[in-house]
Amino acid sequence: MKNSTGRVTIQHVADAAGVSIATVSRVLNGDQRVSPELADKVKDVATRLGYRPFGAARDLASGNHRSIGVIVPDLGNPYFHDVIKAANVGASRDGYRMVISDSGDDAEVELSIAQERLSQVDGLLILSSRIDTAGLRALSRQPTPIVLVNRVEPGIDLPMVAVDNFTAMLDLCGSLATLGHRRVVYIAGSESAWQNRERWRAIQQAHILGLEATMLPAATSSIEGGYAATDAALESAPTAIIAFNDLVACGVLGRLRERGIRVPDDMSVTGFDDIVFAQHTLPPLTTAVSPRAELGAKAWEILRARLAGVEPDLPPLLAATLVVRDSTGPAATA
């Protein structure tokens, strides 16, 4: 009693039990309007025939997709791979699959993707969101659980988990000041990135340590963006370049090498995140170690709680730690 694919269908169960397809569907979905006797009969027939409901159809009927949407600004950045991988360990364990989207570092695209995904997934993880506060406020009114990952936005009714970018960047600036640096250039990230605002806030605060900082925007938070911004950064005659992230720092190192500027003898360079190849650059990169695995795991814990209808306990900002390598040294003297 199978179809051409060898699969027992709900029609087979209905025919064998002498009831309608609608009745079988109600029984299998736990509808209490079906009498216990009839429900037992249908279940017995389904078991005897070896009927197994098709997962997608079952989930569609129950409104449960067993999938989680993940939105990132740039899949080319290994930082996000590590966060997603850690979150996926928990999601897979709990029976969920991830649907990953790249917004291209565009706030409008990110919001559009989020709005589209709301009806397609059970929950959303939005990593390093670029959406403005009005857009986030609109998303917070939707019934689908959403967690902001690596962004803190006061006044928005969404659970958030993030890394303490401010303290780590201040530590990095302190390390440069100890080495005698006074003039630095910050090659910034996206203006809409919370991490960028926090890192620049820390660099500005470092004036109490004697650092004079100039901010220079990069076209993209990538190797290419860092490479392209380096010549303009050098016009300020800094002794150190602080890059928004490790990818930008790698681009800076490449351009400095082309120009014959030695690192760290002539110029110190720092990054942020400690992505997988930061310790394998030439020279190895001084950076801040962002706890990517912990961030991803915490993000899933929070979303899982929301999926269960439980108000999650939100952790404090996760600590990032400074790691000093060979790309920084004493400030060069004129």
C-alpha atoms as a PDB file:
ATOM      1  CA  MET A   1       0.000   0.000   0.000  1.00  0.00           C
ATOM      2  CA  LYS A   2       2.483   2.574  -1.199  1.00  0.00           C
ATOM      3  CA  ASN A   3       2.735   5.201  -3.901  1.00  0.00           C
ATOM      4  CA  SER A   4       5.126   5.069  -6.869  1.00  0.00           C
ATOM      5  CA  THR A   5       7.984   6.276  -4.652  1.00  0.00           C
ATOM      6  CA  GLY A   6       7.386   3.466  -2.178  1.00  0.00           C
ATOM      7  CA  ARG A   7       6.091   5.862   0.475  1.00  0.00           C
ATOM      8  CA  VAL A   8       2.937   5.313   2.521  1.00  0.00           C
ATOM      9  CA  THR A   9       0.830   8.461   2.242  1.00  0.00           C
ATOM     10  CA  ILE A  10      -1.915  10.013   4.361  1.00  0.00           C
ATOM     11  CA  GLN A  11      -4.389   8.881   1.684  1.00  0.00           C
ATOM     12  CA  HIS A  12      -3.411   5.251   2.326  1.00  0.00           C
ATOM     13  CA  VAL A  13      -4.014   5.699   6.058  1.00  0.00           C
ATOM     14  CA  ALA A  14      -7.388   7.345   5.429  1.00  0.00           C
ATOM     15  CA  ASP A  15      -8.506   4.562   3.055  1.00  0.00           C
ATOM     16  CA  ALA A  16      -7.414   1.780   5.420  1.00  0.00           C
ATOM     17  CA  ALA A  17      -9.099   3.414   8.415  1.00  0.00           C
ATOM     18  CA  GLY A  18     -12.266   4.260   6.477  1.00  0.00           C
ATOM     19  CA  VAL A  19     -12.052   7.988   7.274  1.00  0.00           C
ATOM     20  CA  SER A  20     -11.275  11.184   5.418  1.00  0.00           C
ATOM     21  CA  ILE A  21      -7.814  12.666   4.917  1.00  0.00           C
ATOM     22  CA  ALA A  22      -8.911  15.629   7.061  1.00  0.00           C
ATOM     23  CA  THR A  23      -9.701  13.277   9.945  1.00  0.00           C
ATOM     24  CA  VAL A  24      -6.296  11.591   9.715  1.00  0.00           C
ATOM     25  CA  SER A  25      -4.633  15.013   9.663  1.00  0.00           C
ATOM     26  CA  ARG A  26      -6.548  16.118  12.760  1.00  0.00           C
ATOM     27  CA  VAL A  27      -5.593  12.961  14.629  1.00  0.00           C
ATOM     28  CA  LEU A  28      -1.908  13.206  13.755  1.00  0.00           C
ATOM     29  CA  ASN A  29      -1.868  16.886  14.766  1.00  0.00           C
ATOM     30  CA  GLY A  30      -3.426  16.120  18.149  1.00  0.00           C
ATOM     31  CA  ASP A  31      -6.791  17.757  17.488  1.00  0.00           C
ATOM     32  CA  GLN A  32      -8.942  17.034  20.556  1.00  0.00           C
ATOM     33  CA  ARG A  33     -12.194  17.265  18.582  1.00  0.00           C
ATOM     34  CA  VAL A  34     -11.696  13.706  17.319  1.00  0.00           C
ATOM     35  CA  SER A  35     -13.114  11.052  19.636  1.00  0.00           C
ATOM     36  CA  PRO A  36     -10.533   8.982  21.541  1.00  0.00           C
ATOM     37  CA  GLU A  37     -11.791   5.756  19.973  1.00  0.00           C
ATOM     38  CA  LEU A  38     -11.453   7.043  16.425  1.00  0.00           C
ATOM     39  CA  ALA A  39      -8.105   8.619  17.183  1.00  0.00           C
ATOM     40  CA  ASP A  40      -6.791   5.301  18.515  1.00  0.00           C
ATOM     41  CA  LYS A  41      -8.035   3.506  15.406  1.00  0.00           C
ATOM     42  CA  VAL A  42      -6.316   5.963  13.040  1.00  0.00           C
ATOM     43  CA  LYS A  43      -3.066   5.808  15.014  1.00  0.00           C
ATOM     44  CA  ASP A  44      -3.113   2.015  14.985  1.00  0.00           C
ATOM     45  CA  VAL A  45      -3.613   1.968  11.208  1.00  0.00           C
ATOM     46  CA  ALA A  46      -0.849   4.523  10.699  1.00  0.00           C
ATOM     47  CA  THR A  47       1.539   2.466  12.829  1.00  0.00           C
ATOM     48  CA  ARG A  48       0.623  -0.790  11.070  1.00  0.00           C
ATOM     49  CA  LEU A  49       1.202   0.737   7.633  1.00  0.00           C
ATOM     50  CA  GLY A  50       4.451   2.378   8.723  1.00  0.00           C
ATOM     51  CA  TYR A  51       3.197   5.862   7.882  1.00  0.00           C
ATOM     52  CA  ARG A  52       5.602   8.700   8.614  1.00  0.00           C
ATOM     53  CA  PRO A  53       4.439  12.281   8.025  1.00  0.00           C
ATOM     54  CA  PHE A  54       6.468  14.279   5.523  1.00  0.00           C
ATOM     55  CA  GLY A  55       8.516  16.671   7.613  1.00  0.00           C
ATOM     56  CA  ALA A  56       8.042  19.838   5.571  1.00  0.00           C
ATOM     57  CA  ALA A  57       4.290  19.378   5.311  1.00  0.00           C
ATOM     58  CA  ARG A  58       4.005  18.579   9.011  1.00  0.00           C
ATOM     59  CA  ASP A  59       5.986  21.623   9.986  1.00  0.00           C
ATOM     60  CA  LEU A  60       4.016  23.827   7.616  1.00  0.00           C
ATOM     61  CA  ALA A  61       0.771  22.684   9.186  1.00  0.00           C
ATOM     62  CA  SER A  62       2.061  23.356  12.700  1.00  0.00           C
ATOM     63  CA  GLY A  63       3.753  26.659  11.789  1.00  0.00           C
ATOM     64  CA  ASN A  64       7.110  25.212  12.844  1.00  0.00           C
ATOM     65  CA  HIS A  65       9.782  25.435  10.166  1.00  0.00           C
ATOM     66  CA  ARG A  66      12.615  23.959  12.268  1.00  0.00           C
ATOM     67  CA  SER A  67      14.899  26.545  10.706  1.00  0.00           C
ATOM     68  CA  ILE A  68      16.726  29.628  11.915  1.00  0.00           C
ATOM     69  CA  GLY A  69      17.572  32.636   9.791  1.00  0.00           C
ATOM     70  CA  VAL A  70      21.043  34.145  10.138  1.00  0.00           C
ATOM     71  CA  ILE A  71      21.930  37.500   8.579  1.00  0.00           C
ATOM     72  CA  VAL A  72      25.527  38.732   8.354  1.00  0.00           C
ATOM     73  CA  PRO A  73      26.994  41.873   6.746  1.00  0.00           C
ATOM     74  CA  ASP A  74      29.836  40.054   4.982  1.00  0.00           C
ATOM     75  CA  LEU A  75      30.290  36.327   4.514  1.00  0.00           C
ATOM     76  CA  GLY A  76      33.784  37.047   3.228  1.00  0.00           C
ATOM     77  CA  ASN A  77      34.891  37.882   6.770  1.00  0.00           C
ATOM     78  CA  PRO A  78      36.060  34.746   8.647  1.00  0.00           C
ATOM     79  CA  TYR A  79      34.933  36.371  11.906  1.00  0.00           C
ATOM     80  CA  PHE A  80      31.308  35.598  11.058  1.00  0.00           C
ATOM     81  CA  HIS A  81      32.083  32.024  10.064  1.00  0.00           C
ATOM     82  CA  ASP A  82      33.318  31.305  13.578  1.00  0.00           C
ATOM     83  CA  VAL A  83      30.264  32.845  15.249  1.00  0.00           C
ATOM     84  CA  ILE A  84      27.857  31.013  12.941  1.00  0.00           C
ATOM     85  CA  LYS A  85      29.667  27.705  13.415  1.00  0.00           C
ATOM     86  CA  ALA A  86      29.349  27.921  17.195  1.00  0.00           C
ATOM     87  CA  ALA A  87      25.667  28.875  17.005  1.00  0.00           C
ATOM     88  CA  ASN A  88      25.024  26.057  14.536  1.00  0.00           C
ATOM     89  CA  VAL A  89      26.391  23.465  16.964  1.00  0.00           C
ATOM     90  CA  GLY A  90      23.576  24.290  19.378  1.00  0.00           C
ATOM     91  CA  ALA A  91      20.929  24.725  16.700  1.00  0.00           C
ATOM     92  CA  SER A  92      21.736  21.358  15.099  1.00  0.00           C
ATOM     93  CA  ARG A  93      21.691  19.646  18.462  1.00  0.00           C
ATOM     94  CA  ASP A  94      18.199  21.031  19.047  1.00  0.00           C
ATOM     95  CA  GLY A  95      16.925  20.025  15.619  1.00  0.00           C
ATOM     96  CA  TYR A  96      17.177  23.322  13.725  1.00  0.00           C
ATOM     97  CA  ARG A  97      18.852  24.173  10.456  1.00  0.00           C
ATOM     98  CA  MET A  98      20.269  27.553   9.537  1.00  0.00           C
ATOM     99  CA  VAL A  99      19.414  29.687   6.517  1.00  0.00           C
ATOM    100  CA  ILE A 100      22.258  32.174   6.058  1.00  0.00           C
ATOM    101  CA  SER A 101      22.025  35.479   4.181  1.00  0.00           C
ATOM    102  CA  ASP A 102      24.646  38.122   3.335  1.00  0.00           C
ATOM    103  CA  SER A 103      23.402  41.731   3.401  1.00  0.00           C
ATOM    104  CA  GLY A 104      26.496  43.137   1.677  1.00  0.00           C
ATOM    105  CA  ASP A 105      27.005  45.585   4.555  1.00  0.00           C
ATOM    106  CA  ASP A 106      23.848  47.422   3.429  1.00  0.00           C
ATOM    107  CA  ALA A 107      21.332  48.397   6.134  1.00  0.00           C
ATOM    108  CA  GLU A 108      18.370  48.550   3.749  1.00  0.00           C
ATOM    109  CA  VAL A 109      19.166  45.159   2.259  1.00  0.00           C
ATOM    110  CA  GLU A 110      19.568  43.728   5.757  1.00  0.00           C
ATOM    111  CA  LEU A 111      16.160  45.017   6.843  1.00  0.00           C
ATOM    112  CA  SER A 112      14.544  43.686   3.674  1.00  0.00           C
ATOM    113  CA  ILE A 113      16.051  40.237   4.233  1.00  0.00           C
ATOM    114  CA  ALA A 114      14.927  40.238   7.865  1.00  0.00           C
ATOM    115  CA  GLN A 115      11.354  41.156   6.943  1.00  0.00           C
ATOM    116  CA  GLU A 116      11.265  38.453   4.277  1.00  0.00           C
ATOM    117  CA  ARG A 117      12.677  35.795   6.577  1.00  0.00           C
ATOM    118  CA  LEU A 118      10.179  36.455   9.391  1.00  0.00           C
ATOM    119  CA  SER A 119       7.518  34.269   7.755  1.00  0.00           C
ATOM    120  CA  GLN A 120       9.983  31.583   6.669  1.00  0.00           C
ATOM    121  CA  VAL A 121      11.875  30.707   9.853  1.00  0.00           C
ATOM    122  CA  ASP A 122      11.204  30.150  13.537  1.00  0.00           C
ATOM    123  CA  GLY A 123      13.739  32.734  14.693  1.00  0.00           C
ATOM    124  CA  LEU A 124      16.424  35.154  13.511  1.00  0.00           C
ATOM    125  CA  LEU A 125      20.002  35.810  14.527  1.00  0.00           C
ATOM    126  CA  ILE A 126      21.191  39.162  13.144  1.00  0.00           C
ATOM    127  CA  LEU A 127      24.978  39.495  13.387  1.00  0.00           C
ATOM    128  CA  SER A 128      26.582  42.932  13.651  1.00  0.00           C
ATOM    129  CA  SER A 129      23.380  44.569  12.458  1.00  0.00           C
ATOM    130  CA  ARG A 130      23.558  47.771  10.388  1.00  0.00           C
ATOM    131  CA  ILE A 131      19.793  48.448  10.562  1.00  0.00           C
ATOM    132  CA  ASP A 132      18.864  51.836  12.017  1.00  0.00           C
ATOM    133  CA  THR A 133      16.968  52.123  15.294  1.00  0.00           C
ATOM    134  CA  ALA A 134      13.609  52.710  13.576  1.00  0.00           C
ATOM    135  CA  GLY A 135      14.028  49.492  11.612  1.00  0.00           C
ATOM    136  CA  LEU A 136      15.060  47.540  14.706  1.00  0.00           C
ATOM    137  CA  ARG A 137      12.087  48.922  16.599  1.00  0.00           C
ATOM    138  CA  ALA A 138       9.777  47.717  13.823  1.00  0.00           C
ATOM    139  CA  LEU A 139      11.364  44.250  13.916  1.00  0.00           C
ATOM    140  CA  SER A 140      10.954  44.109  17.702  1.00  0.00           C
ATOM    141  CA  ARG A 141       7.178  44.287  17.267  1.00  0.00           C
ATOM    142  CA  GLN A 142       7.109  41.103  15.168  1.00  0.00           C
ATOM    143  CA  PRO A 143       6.164  37.789  16.832  1.00  0.00           C
ATOM    144  CA  THR A 144       9.143  35.879  15.408  1.00  0.00           C
ATOM    145  CA  PRO A 145      11.958  35.753  18.008  1.00  0.00           C
ATOM    146  CA  ILE A 146      14.986  37.844  17.019  1.00  0.00           C
ATOM    147  CA  VAL A 147      18.383  38.138  18.726  1.00  0.00           C
ATOM    148  CA  LEU A 148      20.871  40.903  17.975  1.00  0.00           C
ATOM    149  CA  VAL A 149      24.395  39.517  18.023  1.00  0.00           C
ATOM    150  CA  ASN A 150      27.330  41.877  18.639  1.00  0.00           C
ATOM    151  CA  ARG A 151      25.251  45.009  18.856  1.00  0.00           C
ATOM    152  CA  VAL A 152      23.837  46.908  21.805  1.00  0.00           C
ATOM    153  CA  GLU A 153      21.049  49.386  21.120  1.00  0.00           C
ATOM    154  CA  PRO A 154      19.359  50.948  24.177  1.00  0.00           C
ATOM    155  CA  GLY A 155      15.606  51.386  23.938  1.00  0.00           C
ATOM    156  CA  ILE A 156      15.090  48.483  21.530  1.00  0.00           C
ATOM    157  CA  ASP A 157      13.014  45.601  22.884  1.00  0.00           C
ATOM    158  CA  LEU A 158      15.173  42.819  21.465  1.00  0.00           C
ATOM    159  CA  PRO A 159      17.537  40.489  23.341  1.00  0.00           C
ATOM    160  CA  MET A 160      21.186  41.288  22.644  1.00  0.00           C
ATOM    161  CA  VAL A 161      24.545  39.638  23.200  1.00  0.00           C
ATOM    162  CA  ALA A 162      27.771  41.428  22.362  1.00  0.00           C
ATOM    163  CA  VAL A 163      31.509  41.736  22.887  1.00  0.00           C
ATOM    164  CA  ASP A 164      33.029  44.591  24.898  1.00  0.00           C
ATOM    165  CA  ASN A 165      34.705  46.416  22.016  1.00  0.00           C
ATOM    166  CA  PHE A 166      35.346  49.580  24.030  1.00  0.00           C
ATOM    167  CA  THR A 167      37.540  48.098  26.763  1.00  0.00           C
ATOM    168  CA  ALA A 168      39.556  45.956  24.359  1.00  0.00           C
ATOM    169  CA  MET A 169      40.259  48.901  22.064  1.00  0.00           C
ATOM    170  CA  LEU A 170      41.232  51.073  25.026  1.00  0.00           C
ATOM    171  CA  ASP A 171      43.677  48.351  26.092  1.00  0.00           C
ATOM    172  CA  LEU A 172      45.103  48.293  22.583  1.00  0.00           C
ATOM    173  CA  CYS A 173      45.537  52.075  22.634  1.00  0.00           C
ATOM    174  CA  GLY A 174      47.218  51.807  26.023  1.00  0.00           C
ATOM    175  CA  SER A 175      49.701  49.339  24.582  1.00  0.00           C
ATOM    176  CA  LEU A 176      50.558  51.756  21.770  1.00  0.00           C
ATOM    177  CA  ALA A 177      50.914  54.649  24.205  1.00  0.00           C
ATOM    178  CA  THR A 178      53.289  52.593  26.334  1.00  0.00           C
ATOM    179  CA  LEU A 179      55.418  52.061  23.230  1.00  0.00           C
ATOM    180  CA  GLY A 180      55.690  55.817  22.796  1.00  0.00           C
ATOM    181  CA  HIS A 181      53.119  56.348  20.052  1.00  0.00           C
ATOM    182  CA  ARG A 182      51.356  59.714  19.997  1.00  0.00           C
ATOM    183  CA  ARG A 183      49.970  60.176  16.462  1.00  0.00           C
ATOM    184  CA  VAL A 184      47.705  57.400  15.182  1.00  0.00           C
ATOM    185  CA  VAL A 185      45.237  56.985  12.344  1.00  0.00           C
ATOM    186  CA  TYR A 186      42.123  54.859  12.718  1.00  0.00           C
ATOM    187  CA  ILE A 187      40.954  53.295   9.449  1.00  0.00           C
ATOM    188  CA  ALA A 188      37.305  52.991  10.333  1.00  0.00           C
ATOM    189  CA  GLY A 189      34.598  50.456   9.586  1.00  0.00           C
ATOM    190  CA  SER A 190      31.038  51.085   8.450  1.00  0.00           C
ATOM    191  CA  GLU A 191      29.444  54.197   9.978  1.00  0.00           C
ATOM    192  CA  SER A 192      26.362  52.125  10.812  1.00  0.00           C
ATOM    193  CA  ALA A 193      28.338  49.442  12.672  1.00  0.00           C
ATOM    194  CA  TRP A 194      27.966  49.535  16.471  1.00  0.00           C
ATOM    195  CA  GLN A 195      31.445  47.989  16.801  1.00  0.00           C
ATOM    196  CA  ASN A 196      32.942  50.829  14.795  1.00  0.00           C
ATOM    197  CA  ARG A 197      31.304  53.417  17.029  1.00  0.00           C
ATOM    198  CA  GLU A 198      32.526  51.654  20.172  1.00  0.00           C
ATOM    199  CA  ARG A 199      36.089  51.296  18.883  1.00  0.00           C
ATOM    200  CA  TRP A 200      36.281  54.926  17.808  1.00  0.00           C
ATOM    201  CA  ARG A 201      34.833  56.019  21.164  1.00  0.00           C
ATOM    202  CA  ALA A 202      37.656  54.147  22.897  1.00  0.00           C
ATOM    203  CA  ILE A 203      40.301  55.664  20.606  1.00  0.00           C
ATOM    204  CA  GLN A 204      38.955  59.132  21.341  1.00  0.00           C
ATOM    205  CA  GLN A 205      39.013  58.377  25.061  1.00  0.00           C
ATOM    206  CA  ALA A 206      42.684  57.397  24.703  1.00  0.00           C
ATOM    207  CA  HIS A 207      43.604  61.066  24.441  1.00  0.00           C
ATOM    208  CA  ILE A 208      44.061  60.838  28.215  1.00  0.00           C
ATOM    209  CA  LEU A 209      46.918  58.433  27.417  1.00  0.00           C
ATOM    210  CA  GLY A 210      48.513  60.956  25.083  1.00  0.00           C
ATOM    211  CA  LEU A 211      47.216  59.591  21.766  1.00  0.00           C
ATOM    212  CA  GLU A 212      46.146  62.018  19.049  1.00  0.00           C
ATOM    213  CA  ALA A 213      43.894  60.156  16.638  1.00  0.00           C
ATOM    214  CA  THR A 214      42.559  60.867  13.161  1.00  0.00           C
ATOM    215  CA  MET A 215      39.697  58.802  11.758  1.00  0.00           C
ATOM    216  CA  LEU A 216      39.793  57.804   8.102  1.00  0.00           C
ATOM    217  CA  PRO A 217      36.893  55.928   6.497  1.00  0.00           C
ATOM    218  CA  ALA A 218      37.582  52.876   4.350  1.00  0.00           C
ATOM    219  CA  ALA A 219      35.506  51.988   1.319  1.00  0.00           C
ATOM    220  CA  THR A 220      34.896  48.518   2.751  1.00  0.00           C
ATOM    221  CA  SER A 221      35.888  46.664   5.920  1.00  0.00           C
ATOM    222  CA  SER A 222      38.003  44.291   3.866  1.00  0.00           C
ATOM    223  CA  ILE A 223      41.574  43.635   2.776  1.00  0.00           C
ATOM    224  CA  GLU A 224      40.913  45.726  -0.316  1.00  0.00           C
ATOM    225  CA  GLY A 225      39.473  48.547   1.777  1.00  0.00           C
ATOM    226  CA  GLY A 226      42.494  48.631   4.061  1.00  0.00           C
ATOM    227  CA  TYR A 227      44.903  48.519   1.134  1.00  0.00           C
ATOM    228  CA  ALA A 228      43.166  51.403  -0.624  1.00  0.00           C
ATOM    229  CA  ALA A 229      43.023  53.586   2.521  1.00  0.00           C
ATOM    230  CA  THR A 230      46.685  53.219   3.497  1.00  0.00           C
ATOM    231  CA  ASP A 231      48.172  55.972   1.343  1.00  0.00           C
ATOM    232  CA  ALA A 232      45.688  58.517   2.706  1.00  0.00           C
ATOM    233  CA  ALA A 233      46.400  57.327   6.258  1.00  0.00           C
ATOM    234  CA  LEU A 234      50.113  57.990   5.801  1.00  0.00           C
ATOM    235  CA  GLU A 235      49.456  61.622   4.885  1.00  0.00           C
ATOM    236  CA  SER A 236      48.815  62.342   8.591  1.00  0.00           C
ATOM    237  CA  ALA A 237      52.357  61.167   9.417  1.00  0.00           C
ATOM    238  CA  PRO A 238      51.257  58.696  12.101  1.00  0.00           C
ATOM    239  CA  THR A 239      53.543  56.291  13.898  1.00  0.00           C
ATOM    240  CA  ALA A 240      50.761  53.685  14.119  1.00  0.00           C
ATOM    241  CA  ILE A 241      47.705  52.685  12.094  1.00  0.00           C
ATOM    242  CA  ILE A 242      44.777  51.170  13.987  1.00  0.00           C
ATOM    243  CA  ALA A 243      42.600  49.154  11.623  1.00  0.00           C
ATOM    244  CA  PHE A 244      38.895  48.534  12.234  1.00  0.00           C
ATOM    245  CA  ASN A 245      39.419  44.784  11.928  1.00  0.00           C
ATOM    246  CA  ASP A 246      42.051  42.232  10.970  1.00  0.00           C
ATOM    247  CA  LEU A 247      41.030  42.168   7.301  1.00  0.00           C
ATOM    248  CA  VAL A 248      41.588  45.911   6.998  1.00  0.00           C
ATOM    249  CA  ALA A 249      44.900  45.509   8.840  1.00  0.00           C
ATOM    250  CA  CYS A 250      46.012  42.842   6.345  1.00  0.00           C
ATOM    251  CA  GLY A 251      45.387  45.269   3.491  1.00  0.00           C
ATOM    252  CA  VAL A 252      47.398  47.924   5.330  1.00  0.00           C
ATOM    253  CA  LEU A 253      50.323  45.525   5.811  1.00  0.00           C
ATOM    254  CA  GLY A 254      50.312  44.673   2.127  1.00  0.00           C
ATOM    255  CA  ARG A 255      50.391  48.292   0.980  1.00  0.00           C
ATOM    256  CA  LEU A 256      53.069  49.275   3.510  1.00  0.00           C
ATOM    257  CA  ARG A 257      55.225  46.406   2.264  1.00  0.00           C
ATOM    258  CA  GLU A 258      54.831  47.638  -1.334  1.00  0.00           C
ATOM    259  CA  ARG A 259      55.945  51.109  -0.290  1.00  0.00           C
ATOM    260  CA  GLY A 260      58.990  49.811   1.543  1.00  0.00           C
ATOM    261  CA  ILE A 261      57.685  50.882   4.955  1.00  0.00           C
ATOM    262  CA  ARG A 262      58.859  48.429   7.575  1.00  0.00           C
ATOM    263  CA  VAL A 263      56.481  47.074  10.221  1.00  0.00           C
ATOM    264  CA  PRO A 264      56.977  47.683  13.091  1.00  0.00           C
ATOM    265  CA  ASP A 265      60.280  49.568  12.671  1.00  0.00           C
ATOM    266  CA  ASP A 266      58.755  52.430  10.659  1.00  0.00           C
ATOM    267  CA  MET A 267      55.039  51.925  11.362  1.00  0.00           C
ATOM    268  CA  SER A 268      53.026  49.891  13.857  1.00  0.00           C
ATOM    269  CA  VAL A 269      49.763  48.275  12.737  1.00  0.00           C
ATOM    270  CA  THR A 270      46.931  46.772  14.784  1.00  0.00           C
ATOM    271  CA  GLY A 271      43.712  44.943  13.966  1.00  0.00           C
ATOM    272  CA  PHE A 272      40.708  43.634  15.859  1.00  0.00           C
ATOM    273  CA  ASP A 273      39.021  40.186  16.147  1.00  0.00           C
ATOM    274  CA  ASP A 274      42.017  37.808  15.856  1.00  0.00           C
ATOM    275  CA  ILE A 275      40.624  35.917  12.884  1.00  0.00           C
ATOM    276  CA  VAL A 276      42.293  32.658  11.946  1.00  0.00           C
ATOM    277  CA  PHE A 277      45.202  34.044   9.910  1.00  0.00           C
ATOM    278  CA  ALA A 278      45.992  37.129  12.070  1.00  0.00           C
ATOM    279  CA  GLN A 279      48.920  35.310  13.657  1.00  0.00           C
ATOM    280  CA  HIS A 280      50.211  34.218  10.232  1.00  0.00           C
ATOM    281  CA  THR A 281      50.554  37.648   8.599  1.00  0.00           C
ATOM    282  CA  LEU A 282      53.974  39.183   7.968  1.00  0.00           C
ATOM    283  CA  PRO A 283      54.621  40.233  10.652  1.00  0.00           C
ATOM    284  CA  PRO A 284      52.050  38.541  12.940  1.00  0.00           C
ATOM    285  CA  LEU A 285      49.309  40.982  13.864  1.00  0.00           C
ATOM    286  CA  THR A 286      48.723  42.671  17.194  1.00  0.00           C
ATOM    287  CA  THR A 287      44.959  42.555  17.688  1.00  0.00           C
ATOM    288  CA  ALA A 288      42.100  42.002  20.126  1.00  0.00           C
ATOM    289  CA  VAL A 289      40.827  38.446  20.548  1.00  0.00           C
ATOM    290  CA  SER A 290      37.057  38.495  20.169  1.00  0.00           C
ATOM    291  CA  PRO A 291      35.386  35.434  21.808  1.00  0.00           C
ATOM    292  CA  ARG A 292      33.622  34.289  18.653  1.00  0.00           C
ATOM    293  CA  ALA A 293      32.709  30.767  19.771  1.00  0.00           C
ATOM    294  CA  GLU A 294      31.302  32.009  23.072  1.00  0.00           C
ATOM    295  CA  LEU A 295      29.346  34.715  21.257  1.00  0.00           C
ATOM    296  CA  GLY A 296      27.760  32.214  18.871  1.00  0.00           C
ATOM    297  CA  ALA A 297      26.922  29.760  21.645  1.00  0.00           C
ATOM    298  CA  LYS A 298      25.347  32.474  23.802  1.00  0.00           C
ATOM    299  CA  ALA A 299      23.357  33.766  20.841  1.00  0.00           C
ATOM    300  CA  TRP A 300      21.811  30.344  20.306  1.00  0.00           C
ATOM    301  CA  GLU A 301      21.066  29.896  24.021  1.00  0.00           C
ATOM    302  CA  ILE A 302      19.144  33.169  24.030  1.00  0.00           C
ATOM    303  CA  LEU A 303      17.231  32.392  20.843  1.00  0.00           C
ATOM    304  CA  ARG A 304      16.416  28.877  22.045  1.00  0.00           C
ATOM    305  CA  ALA A 305      14.911  30.326  25.213  1.00  0.00           C
ATOM    306  CA  ARG A 306      12.798  32.744  23.203  1.00  0.00           C
ATOM    307  CA  LEU A 307      11.611  29.909  20.965  1.00  0.00           C
ATOM    308  CA  ALA A 308      10.467  28.101  24.107  1.00  0.00           C
ATOM    309  CA  GLY A 309       8.605  31.173  25.294  1.00  0.00           C
ATOM    310  CA  VAL A 310      11.058  31.799  28.104  1.00  0.00           C
ATOM    311  CA  GLU A 311      12.569  35.193  28.878  1.00  0.00           C
ATOM    312  CA  PRO A 312      16.320  34.575  28.575  1.00  0.00           C
ATOM    313  CA  ASP A 313      18.995  35.670  31.019  1.00  0.00           C
ATOM    314  CA  LEU A 314      21.142  38.082  29.037  1.00  0.00           C
ATOM    315  CA  PRO A 315      24.882  37.877  29.755  1.00  0.00           C
ATOM    316  CA  PRO A 316      27.036  40.961  30.341  1.00  0.00           C
ATOM    317  CA  LEU A 317      29.301  42.102  27.545  1.00  0.00           C
ATOM    318  CA  LEU A 318      31.768  39.349  26.671  1.00  0.00           C
ATOM    319  CA  ALA A 319      35.405  40.241  27.250  1.00  0.00           C
ATOM    320  CA  ALA A 320      37.831  40.645  24.354  1.00  0.00           C
ATOM    321  CA  THR A 321      41.515  40.411  25.220  1.00  0.00           C
ATOM    322  CA  LEU A 322      44.555  42.110  23.746  1.00  0.00           C
ATOM    323  CA  VAL A 323      47.220  39.946  22.111  1.00  0.00           C
ATOM    324  CA  VAL A 324      50.494  41.690  21.300  1.00  0.00           C
ATOM    325  CA  ARG A 325      52.469  40.326  18.355  1.00  0.00           C
ATOM    326  CA  ASP A 326      55.218  41.598  16.096  1.00  0.00           C
ATOM    327  CA  SER A 327      53.246  44.206  14.123  1.00  0.00           C
ATOM    328  CA  THR A 328      53.659  46.751  16.925  1.00  0.00           C
ATOM    329  CA  GLY A 329      56.851  48.159  18.391  1.00  0.00           C
ATOM    330  CA  PRO A 330      58.340  51.370  19.762  1.00  0.00           C
ATOM    331  CA  ALA A 331      57.279  54.510  17.936  1.00  0.00           C
ATOM    332  CA  ALA A 332      59.648  55.492  15.157  1.00  0.00           C
ATOM    333  CA  THR A 333      61.489  58.758  15.727  1.00  0.00           C
ATOM    334  CA  ALA A 334      61.543  61.438  13.059  1.00  0.00           C
END
